[in-house]
Amino acid sequence: MRHPAGYVKQQQKIFDAWGQVPIGTPVIVKKDDGTEIETTTRSEAEMLSGHTAVIWLTGIVGCYALERVRKI
């Protein structure tokens, strides 16, 4: 899959801005249907396949893009 020009750089900026957030940090995630839920992190942030900044969250199957997650 090819990403638009600048996508990886944008994702790296999001990843860098997230910083070293500890596991268990309270967050709000915007789900696919637009609803927001409160949960906690269950991993540190990572760059998925070297192109998308993601994090794994408690009670949610799969990871979410960091651009859809905010710290409380």
N, C-alpha and C. Protein backbone atom coordinates (compact mmCIF):
# COMPACT_ATOMS: atom_id res chain seq x y z
N MET A 1 0.84 -1.18 0.00
CA MET A 1 0.00 0.00 0.00
C MET A 1 0.88 1.24 0.00
N ARG A 2 0.59 2.13 -0.87
CA ARG A 2 1.35 3.38 -0.95
C ARG A 2 0.60 4.46 -0.19
N HIS A 3 1.34 5.30 0.49
CA HIS A 3 0.77 6.39 1.25
C HIS A 3 1.06 7.71 0.53
N PRO A 4 0.21 8.71 0.73
CA PRO A 4 0.44 10.02 0.11
C PRO A 4 1.79 10.60 0.53
N ALA A 5 2.34 11.45 -0.30
CA ALA A 5 3.62 12.09 0.01
C ALA A 5 3.53 12.79 1.37
N GLY A 6 4.53 12.60 2.19
CA GLY A 6 4.58 13.24 3.50
C GLY A 6 3.86 12.48 4.61
N TYR A 7 3.16 11.40 4.27
CA TYR A 7 2.40 10.66 5.27
C TYR A 7 3.29 10.11 6.39
N VAL A 8 4.37 9.47 6.01
CA VAL A 8 5.25 8.85 7.02
C VAL A 8 5.86 9.93 7.91
N LYS A 9 6.25 11.06 7.34
CA LYS A 9 6.81 12.15 8.14
C LYS A 9 5.77 12.69 9.12
N GLN A 10 4.53 12.82 8.67
CA GLN A 10 3.44 13.28 9.53
C GLN A 10 3.24 12.29 10.68
N GLN A 11 3.23 11.00 10.36
CA GLN A 11 3.05 9.98 11.39
C GLN A 11 4.20 9.98 12.38
N GLN A 12 5.42 10.20 11.89
CA GLN A 12 6.58 10.26 12.78
C GLN A 12 6.45 11.44 13.74
N LYS A 13 5.95 12.57 13.27
CA LYS A 13 5.73 13.73 14.14
C LYS A 13 4.71 13.41 15.23
N ILE A 14 3.63 12.72 14.85
CA ILE A 14 2.61 12.33 15.82
C ILE A 14 3.22 11.40 16.86
N PHE A 15 4.01 10.44 16.41
CA PHE A 15 4.67 9.50 17.30
C PHE A 15 5.61 10.23 18.26
N ASP A 16 6.42 11.13 17.72
CA ASP A 16 7.38 11.88 18.54
C ASP A 16 6.68 12.75 19.57
N ALA A 17 5.57 13.37 19.18
CA ALA A 17 4.81 14.24 20.09
C ALA A 17 4.17 13.44 21.22
N TRP A 18 3.82 12.19 20.95
CA TRP A 18 3.20 11.34 21.97
C TRP A 18 4.17 11.12 23.12
N GLY A 19 5.44 10.91 22.81
CA GLY A 19 6.46 10.73 23.84
C GLY A 19 6.39 9.39 24.53
N GLN A 20 7.04 9.31 25.66
CA GLN A 20 7.10 8.06 26.44
C GLN A 20 5.95 8.02 27.44
N VAL A 21 4.76 7.76 26.94
CA VAL A 21 3.57 7.67 27.80
C VAL A 21 3.54 6.28 28.43
N PRO A 22 3.45 6.21 29.75
CA PRO A 22 3.47 4.90 30.40
C PRO A 22 2.23 4.06 30.11
N ILE A 23 2.41 2.76 30.12
CA ILE A 23 1.29 1.83 30.00
C ILE A 23 0.34 2.10 31.16
N GLY A 24 -0.96 2.09 30.87
CA GLY A 24 -1.96 2.35 31.89
C GLY A 24 -2.45 3.80 31.92
N THR A 25 -1.94 4.63 31.00
CA THR A 25 -2.34 6.04 30.94
C THR A 25 -3.79 6.15 30.46
N PRO A 26 -4.63 6.92 31.15
CA PRO A 26 -6.02 7.13 30.71
C PRO A 26 -6.04 7.94 29.41
N VAL A 27 -6.87 7.50 28.47
CA VAL A 27 -6.99 8.16 27.17
C VAL A 27 -8.44 8.12 26.70
N ILE A 28 -8.72 8.93 25.69
CA ILE A 28 -9.99 8.87 24.98
C ILE A 28 -9.67 8.53 23.54
N VAL A 29 -10.40 7.56 22.99
CA VAL A 29 -10.18 7.14 21.60
C VAL A 29 -11.43 7.41 20.79
N LYS A 30 -11.23 7.92 19.59
CA LYS A 30 -12.35 8.14 18.67
C LYS A 30 -12.46 6.90 17.79
N LYS A 31 -13.56 6.17 17.95
CA LYS A 31 -13.77 4.92 17.23
C LYS A 31 -14.19 5.17 15.78
N ASP A 32 -14.26 4.10 15.01
CA ASP A 32 -14.60 4.19 13.59
C ASP A 32 -15.95 4.85 13.34
N ASP A 33 -16.90 4.65 14.26
CA ASP A 33 -18.23 5.21 14.07
C ASP A 33 -18.35 6.64 14.60
N GLY A 34 -17.24 7.21 15.08
CA GLY A 34 -17.22 8.58 15.56
C GLY A 34 -17.45 8.74 17.05
N THR A 35 -17.90 7.66 17.71
CA THR A 35 -18.08 7.75 19.15
C THR A 35 -16.72 7.78 19.84
N GLU A 36 -16.70 8.34 21.02
CA GLU A 36 -15.48 8.40 21.81
C GLU A 36 -15.67 7.59 23.08
N ILE A 37 -14.65 6.84 23.44
CA ILE A 37 -14.70 6.06 24.68
C ILE A 37 -13.44 6.30 25.49
N GLU A 38 -13.59 6.17 26.79
CA GLU A 38 -12.46 6.31 27.70
C GLU A 38 -11.89 4.92 27.96
N THR A 39 -10.58 4.81 27.91
CA THR A 39 -9.89 3.55 28.15
C THR A 39 -8.49 3.87 28.66
N THR A 40 -7.60 2.88 28.66
CA THR A 40 -6.21 3.10 29.05
C THR A 40 -5.29 2.44 28.04
N THR A 41 -4.06 2.91 28.00
CA THR A 41 -3.08 2.31 27.10
C THR A 41 -2.63 0.97 27.67
N ARG A 42 -2.39 0.00 26.77
CA ARG A 42 -1.84 -1.28 27.22
C ARG A 42 -0.52 -1.60 26.52
N SER A 43 0.03 -0.58 25.85
CA SER A 43 1.35 -0.70 25.23
C SER A 43 1.93 0.70 25.13
N GLU A 44 3.19 0.75 24.76
CA GLU A 44 3.79 2.02 24.38
C GLU A 44 3.41 2.25 22.92
N ALA A 45 3.51 3.49 22.48
CA ALA A 45 3.25 3.79 21.07
C ALA A 45 4.33 3.12 20.21
N GLU A 46 3.97 2.83 18.96
CA GLU A 46 4.92 2.23 18.02
C GLU A 46 4.59 2.67 16.61
N MET A 47 5.54 2.49 15.73
CA MET A 47 5.32 2.76 14.31
C MET A 47 5.00 1.43 13.65
N LEU A 48 3.75 1.22 13.29
CA LEU A 48 3.30 -0.03 12.69
C LEU A 48 3.84 -0.14 11.28
N SER A 49 4.60 -1.18 11.04
CA SER A 49 5.21 -1.45 9.73
C SER A 49 6.02 -0.26 9.21
N GLY A 50 6.49 0.58 10.13
CA GLY A 50 7.34 1.70 9.75
C GLY A 50 6.61 2.88 9.13
N HIS A 51 5.27 2.87 9.17
CA HIS A 51 4.57 3.98 8.49
C HIS A 51 3.41 4.60 9.26
N THR A 52 2.84 3.95 10.28
CA THR A 52 1.68 4.50 10.97
C THR A 52 1.89 4.43 12.48
N ALA A 53 1.74 5.57 13.16
CA ALA A 53 1.87 5.64 14.61
C ALA A 53 0.61 5.06 15.25
N VAL A 54 0.79 4.02 16.09
CA VAL A 54 -0.35 3.34 16.70
C VAL A 54 -0.09 3.07 18.17
N ILE A 55 -1.18 2.66 18.85
CA ILE A 55 -1.09 2.22 20.24
C ILE A 55 -2.17 1.18 20.48
N TRP A 56 -1.91 0.27 21.41
CA TRP A 56 -2.86 -0.76 21.80
C TRP A 56 -3.57 -0.30 23.05
N LEU A 57 -4.90 -0.52 23.12
CA LEU A 57 -5.73 0.02 24.19
C LEU A 57 -6.51 -1.08 24.90
N THR A 58 -6.73 -0.89 26.19
CA THR A 58 -7.46 -1.86 27.01
C THR A 58 -8.91 -1.96 26.54
N GLY A 59 -9.38 -3.20 26.36
CA GLY A 59 -10.78 -3.44 25.99
C GLY A 59 -11.08 -3.26 24.51
N ILE A 60 -10.05 -3.03 23.71
CA ILE A 60 -10.23 -2.83 22.28
C ILE A 60 -9.36 -3.83 21.54
N VAL A 61 -9.95 -4.55 20.61
CA VAL A 61 -9.19 -5.51 19.81
C VAL A 61 -8.48 -4.75 18.70
N GLY A 62 -7.21 -5.01 18.55
CA GLY A 62 -6.43 -4.32 17.54
C GLY A 62 -5.89 -3.00 18.06
N CYS A 63 -5.06 -2.37 17.26
CA CYS A 63 -4.47 -1.10 17.66
C CYS A 63 -5.21 0.05 16.99
N TYR A 64 -5.00 1.25 17.52
CA TYR A 64 -5.60 2.46 16.95
C TYR A 64 -4.51 3.44 16.58
N ALA A 65 -4.74 4.18 15.50
CA ALA A 65 -3.83 5.23 15.09
C ALA A 65 -3.77 6.28 16.19
N LEU A 66 -2.56 6.73 16.51
CA LEU A 66 -2.39 7.72 17.56
C LEU A 66 -3.14 9.02 17.26
N GLU A 67 -3.35 9.32 15.99
CA GLU A 67 -4.06 10.56 15.66
C GLU A 67 -5.52 10.52 16.13
N ARG A 68 -6.00 9.34 16.53
CA ARG A 68 -7.38 9.20 17.03
C ARG A 68 -7.44 8.98 18.53
N VAL A 69 -6.30 9.14 19.21
CA VAL A 69 -6.22 8.91 20.65
C VAL A 69 -5.65 10.17 21.32
N ARG A 70 -6.28 10.56 22.45
CA ARG A 70 -5.73 11.70 23.18
C ARG A 70 -5.67 11.37 24.66
N LYS A 71 -4.61 11.87 25.31
CA LYS A 71 -4.44 11.66 26.74
C LYS A 71 -5.48 12.49 27.49
N ILE A 72 -5.96 11.94 28.60
CA ILE A 72 -6.92 12.66 29.44
C ILE A 72 -6.15 13.56 30.40
